[in-house]
Structure formats: structure tokens, C-alpha cells
């Protein structure tokens, strides 16, 4: 299985004064809710509810990427997590998710890393597992979903850790902080919209950036928990 990677180093500027990664969503810090779904640790919310709650992880271990000032609070949120955790701290904060992915891939123990953002509380672990299979079966550097709007979902994707870290380094050295600047250098399996919808629902990509989106996520959780 891949190493799980959670990217949490953003400033949450649209969320207000609080760090959204540890904001309690229906009583559980959001990053813990994401991490639990990858571990199959008791989160019976669709999509992928059976896998998310069935005690069957889709990753071997977890790497958390964050700023140094976030580590204590995130560490408390992940206390008692059933899988090994390593930290990939941003030695140069505020360089964006490209630097976060680079740092996390450097820390990954497996050949591949399943990268997810800290603000996708309904990430579908079964779908994530299929992305890993897509990458391995094609011997590709990445498997990345692409929705009908043609946007790549680069923070819910599988990457070959070494190749991706090197491509991120080159992009950052050029002064290009966009994730796609690194992706363009990789061999990529594109998972198109029709396949995505056959495997899961759009809720796997639901992210929480604002207080309004946070409240909507709480309302959705209330329907299932």
C-alpha cells in the first residue's frame, strides 16, 4: 500500500482566525477525520463508508505535512492514531502545496504516496485505493483525477514519491510554485470524469475553505452520524 500524505500547511485565510486543520467537525478535528478515513477507523460516512469504517486501511503509514507552529496541535489531534506517523515540516513556510507535496514525498516510506488535503472530510478511501492501482498497473509516476471541468485534483492523487519530489524541486528552483508545473514532468494516468463517477461521488472532493462550507459539512455529517 502507499504512504498516506496529508497536506496541512496552508494558512486557512478564508476560514478566519482558526487553523481549519484542527477545527472540530462534529466533535472530531478535521485532519483526524481525514486520517481516520484512510485508516478505516470508524467513520461510516459515504462515499466509501464501508471501507472508511471497516478497520481496513488503504495506506501503510501516514506523513503529515504542516508548518512547525502547527505540529503540537495536529499531534494532539492525531493522538492514538492506529498507524505510524511521520512529520514533514515546512522548513520554508508559505511556499504553497507544491513545496508541501515535495517535503511529504521526501518523507514517504513507500514507493508511492497517496496525497490528500487536510480539508476533505469525505475522502473516499475505496476510490483512493483504485488510484493507487491505476498508478501501479501503468507503472506511472502519478494517477490524478480530472473532473468534467478539466481541473486536475492534484491534492487527491497518488504519486511516485521520488520522481515527484525531484519534479517539485525543479519547479521550485525555476520559481514556479504551481503543482501542475511538476506534474507536467511526470508520467500521469488521468482518471477522467466518467470513471470517477463510476467509482465514487463528487463528495470525495468536497473541501472546506470557509465557515459556511464547514457548517454544510457538519450538516452532511449529521445525516449519517
Protein backbone atom coordinates (compact mmCIF):
# COMPACT_ATOMS: atom_id res chain seq x y z
CA UNK A 1 0.00 0.00 0.00
CA UNK A 2 1.13 3.59 -0.41
CA UNK A 3 2.19 6.00 2.28
CA UNK A 4 -0.66 8.32 3.18
CA UNK A 5 0.15 12.02 2.99
CA UNK A 6 -1.96 14.80 4.45
CA UNK A 7 -1.12 18.35 3.36
CA UNK A 8 -1.99 20.79 6.14
CA UNK A 9 0.45 23.69 5.90
CA UNK A 10 -1.84 26.36 4.47
CA UNK A 11 -2.81 29.47 6.37
CA UNK A 12 -6.61 28.92 6.20
CA UNK A 13 -7.09 32.57 5.33
CA UNK A 14 -10.69 32.12 4.20
CA UNK A 15 -11.58 30.22 7.36
CA UNK A 16 -10.95 33.06 9.78
CA UNK A 17 -8.52 33.20 12.67
CA UNK A 18 -8.52 29.47 13.44
CA UNK A 19 -6.45 26.69 11.84
CA UNK A 20 -9.05 24.70 9.94
CA UNK A 21 -6.95 21.53 10.05
CA UNK A 22 -7.76 21.09 13.75
CA UNK A 23 -11.19 22.72 13.78
CA UNK A 24 -13.62 20.24 15.34
CA UNK A 25 -16.03 18.99 12.72
CA UNK A 26 -18.90 17.25 14.51
CA UNK A 27 -16.60 16.82 17.51
CA UNK A 28 -13.57 15.48 15.62
CA UNK A 29 -10.63 17.62 14.39
CA UNK A 30 -10.92 17.77 10.62
CA UNK A 31 -7.44 16.40 9.97
CA UNK A 32 -8.20 13.46 12.27
CA UNK A 33 -11.40 12.77 10.36
CA UNK A 34 -9.43 12.65 7.08
CA UNK A 35 -6.71 10.47 8.62
CA UNK A 36 -9.26 8.10 10.16
CA UNK A 37 -10.90 7.51 6.81
CA UNK A 38 -7.58 6.41 5.32
CA UNK A 39 -7.09 4.03 8.24
CA UNK A 40 -10.64 2.67 8.19
CA UNK A 41 -11.02 3.90 11.74
CA UNK A 42 -14.73 4.20 12.34
CA UNK A 43 -16.11 6.94 10.08
CA UNK A 44 -19.27 5.47 8.49
CA UNK A 45 -19.98 8.37 6.14
CA UNK A 46 -20.29 7.95 2.36
CA UNK A 47 -18.71 7.78 -0.09
CA UNK A 48 -16.75 4.66 0.78
CA UNK A 49 -18.45 4.33 4.16
CA UNK A 50 -17.82 0.59 4.50
CA UNK A 51 -14.08 0.99 3.92
CA UNK A 52 -13.85 4.17 5.99
CA UNK A 53 -15.34 2.43 9.00
CA UNK A 54 -14.26 -1.17 8.47
CA UNK A 55 -10.82 -1.19 10.06
CA UNK A 56 -9.10 -1.93 6.73
CA UNK A 57 -6.53 0.79 5.95
CA UNK A 58 -5.70 1.91 2.42
CA UNK A 59 -2.25 3.18 3.49
CA UNK A 60 0.60 1.62 5.43
CA UNK A 61 1.55 4.73 7.36
CA UNK A 62 0.97 8.46 7.43
CA UNK A 63 3.09 11.53 6.70
CA UNK A 64 1.75 14.87 7.89
CA UNK A 65 2.98 18.00 6.17
CA UNK A 66 2.50 21.21 8.13
CA UNK A 67 4.26 24.29 9.44
CA UNK A 68 6.37 23.88 12.60
CA UNK A 69 3.94 26.02 14.59
CA UNK A 70 1.09 23.62 13.75
CA UNK A 71 2.79 20.42 14.89
CA UNK A 72 1.74 20.46 18.53
CA UNK A 73 -1.97 20.98 17.85
CA UNK A 74 -2.04 18.49 14.98
CA UNK A 75 -0.09 16.00 17.08
CA UNK A 76 -2.76 16.25 19.77
CA UNK A 77 -5.49 15.78 17.15
CA UNK A 78 -3.80 12.60 15.92
CA UNK A 79 -3.04 11.18 19.35
CA UNK A 80 -3.72 7.44 19.41
CA UNK A 81 -3.81 7.11 15.62
CA UNK A 82 -3.56 3.42 14.70
CA UNK A 83 -0.87 3.79 12.00
CA UNK A 84 2.74 5.05 12.24
CA UNK A 85 3.05 8.81 11.73
CA UNK A 86 5.99 10.83 10.43
CA UNK A 87 6.27 14.57 10.05
CA UNK A 88 7.31 16.58 7.02
CA UNK A 89 7.62 20.11 8.36
CA UNK A 90 7.85 23.06 6.02
CA UNK A 91 11.30 24.49 6.69
CA UNK A 92 10.30 27.42 4.47
CA UNK A 93 6.63 28.07 5.28
CA UNK A 94 4.19 29.64 2.82
CA UNK A 95 5.71 28.20 -0.37
CA UNK A 96 2.40 26.56 -1.18
CA UNK A 97 1.15 23.00 -1.66
CA UNK A 98 3.88 22.20 -4.20
CA UNK A 99 6.53 22.55 -1.50
CA UNK A 100 4.30 20.64 0.90
CA UNK A 101 3.96 17.73 -1.51
CA UNK A 102 7.72 17.80 -2.13
CA UNK A 103 8.52 17.67 1.58
CA UNK A 104 5.99 14.92 2.24
CA UNK A 105 7.18 12.78 -0.67
CA UNK A 106 10.71 13.02 0.69
CA UNK A 107 9.44 11.57 3.97
CA UNK A 108 7.34 8.78 2.41
CA UNK A 109 8.44 5.25 3.22
CA UNK A 110 6.70 3.62 0.25
CA UNK A 111 7.36 3.92 -3.46
CA UNK A 112 4.04 5.70 -3.86
CA UNK A 113 2.31 8.37 -1.79
CA UNK A 114 -1.44 8.93 -1.60
CA UNK A 115 -1.71 12.71 -1.19
CA UNK A 116 -4.86 14.28 0.25
CA UNK A 117 -5.59 17.72 1.65
CA UNK A 118 -6.49 18.15 5.31
CA UNK A 119 -9.84 19.73 4.41
CA UNK A 120 -11.56 16.87 2.54
CA UNK A 121 -13.58 15.24 5.35
CA UNK A 122 -15.43 12.87 2.99
CA UNK A 123 -12.45 11.49 1.10
CA UNK A 124 -13.39 8.06 -0.25
CA UNK A 125 -10.75 5.50 0.80
CA UNK A 126 -12.00 2.93 -1.71
CA UNK A 127 -11.56 5.44 -4.51
CA UNK A 128 -8.11 6.30 -3.22
CA UNK A 129 -7.20 2.64 -3.38
CA UNK A 130 -8.19 2.48 -7.05
CA UNK A 131 -5.90 5.43 -7.80
CA UNK A 132 -3.00 3.50 -6.32
CA UNK A 133 -3.86 0.51 -8.50
CA UNK A 134 -4.10 2.78 -11.56
CA UNK A 135 -0.59 4.12 -10.97
CA UNK A 136 0.97 0.74 -10.24
CA UNK A 137 -0.71 -1.08 -13.13
CA UNK A 138 0.51 1.56 -15.59
CA UNK A 139 3.94 1.88 -13.93
CA UNK A 140 3.20 5.60 -13.94
CA UNK A 141 4.57 8.40 -11.78
CA UNK A 142 1.08 9.57 -10.85
CA UNK A 143 -2.64 8.83 -11.05
CA UNK A 144 -4.65 12.05 -10.90
CA UNK A 145 -8.43 12.52 -11.14
CA UNK A 146 -9.71 15.11 -13.58
CA UNK A 147 -13.30 16.26 -13.27
CA UNK A 148 -15.61 17.38 -16.06
CA UNK A 149 -14.47 20.97 -15.58
CA UNK A 150 -11.00 19.73 -16.68
CA UNK A 151 -9.43 20.61 -13.32
CA UNK A 152 -6.91 18.11 -12.05
CA UNK A 153 -7.50 17.09 -8.42
CA UNK A 154 -3.82 17.21 -7.53
CA UNK A 155 -4.41 17.04 -3.78
CA UNK A 156 -6.37 13.81 -4.02
CA UNK A 157 -3.99 11.77 -6.10
CA UNK A 158 -1.27 9.12 -6.00
CA UNK A 159 2.36 10.00 -6.79
CA UNK A 160 5.60 8.06 -7.12
CA UNK A 161 7.42 9.68 -4.23
CA UNK A 162 11.00 10.01 -5.52
CA UNK A 163 10.07 11.18 -9.02
CA UNK A 164 7.54 13.66 -7.68
CA UNK A 165 9.88 15.14 -5.09
CA UNK A 166 12.51 15.67 -7.81
CA UNK A 167 9.99 17.29 -10.18
CA UNK A 168 8.79 19.58 -7.38
CA UNK A 169 12.39 20.58 -6.67
CA UNK A 170 12.95 21.54 -10.29
CA UNK A 171 9.73 23.56 -10.44
CA UNK A 172 10.56 25.40 -7.21
CA UNK A 173 14.09 26.10 -8.45
CA UNK A 174 12.53 27.71 -11.54
CA UNK A 175 10.36 29.86 -9.28
CA UNK A 176 7.18 28.10 -10.37
CA UNK A 177 5.02 27.19 -7.37
CA UNK A 178 2.14 25.59 -9.29
CA UNK A 179 1.59 21.89 -8.71
CA UNK A 180 0.97 21.35 -12.42
CA UNK A 181 4.47 22.63 -13.14
CA UNK A 182 5.78 19.46 -11.50
CA UNK A 183 3.01 17.21 -12.81
CA UNK A 184 3.90 18.13 -16.40
CA UNK A 185 7.24 16.37 -15.91
CA UNK A 186 5.67 13.11 -14.70
CA UNK A 187 4.11 10.17 -16.48
CA UNK A 188 0.49 10.51 -15.46
CA UNK A 189 -2.60 8.30 -15.61
CA UNK A 190 -5.54 10.68 -15.95
CA UNK A 191 -8.70 9.43 -14.28
CA UNK A 192 -11.46 11.14 -16.22
CA UNK A 193 -14.86 12.27 -15.01
CA UNK A 194 -16.89 9.28 -16.24
CA UNK A 195 -14.58 6.84 -14.46
CA UNK A 196 -14.60 8.94 -11.30
CA UNK A 197 -18.39 8.94 -11.18
CA UNK A 198 -18.49 5.21 -11.78
CA UNK A 199 -16.23 4.65 -8.76
CA UNK A 200 -17.34 7.28 -6.26
CA UNK A 201 -19.28 10.52 -5.85
CA UNK A 202 -18.23 14.15 -6.04
CA UNK A 203 -18.33 14.33 -2.23
CA UNK A 204 -14.87 12.75 -2.09
CA UNK A 205 -13.53 16.08 -3.38
CA UNK A 206 -15.63 18.32 -1.11
CA UNK A 207 -13.22 20.65 0.62
CA UNK A 208 -13.82 23.05 3.47
CA UNK A 209 -12.35 26.50 2.99
CA UNK A 210 -14.91 28.78 4.66
CA UNK A 211 -17.10 28.75 7.74
CA UNK A 212 -20.13 28.31 5.51
CA UNK A 213 -18.60 25.20 3.93
CA UNK A 214 -17.71 23.96 7.40
CA UNK A 215 -21.33 24.29 8.52
CA UNK A 216 -22.51 22.49 5.38
CA UNK A 217 -20.10 19.64 6.12
CA UNK A 218 -21.43 19.41 9.68
CA UNK A 219 -24.98 19.22 8.34
CA UNK A 220 -24.00 16.40 5.99
CA UNK A 221 -22.30 14.51 8.81
CA UNK A 222 -25.43 14.86 10.93
CA UNK A 223 -27.31 12.87 8.30
CA UNK A 224 -25.04 9.86 8.82
CA UNK A 225 -23.57 10.03 12.32
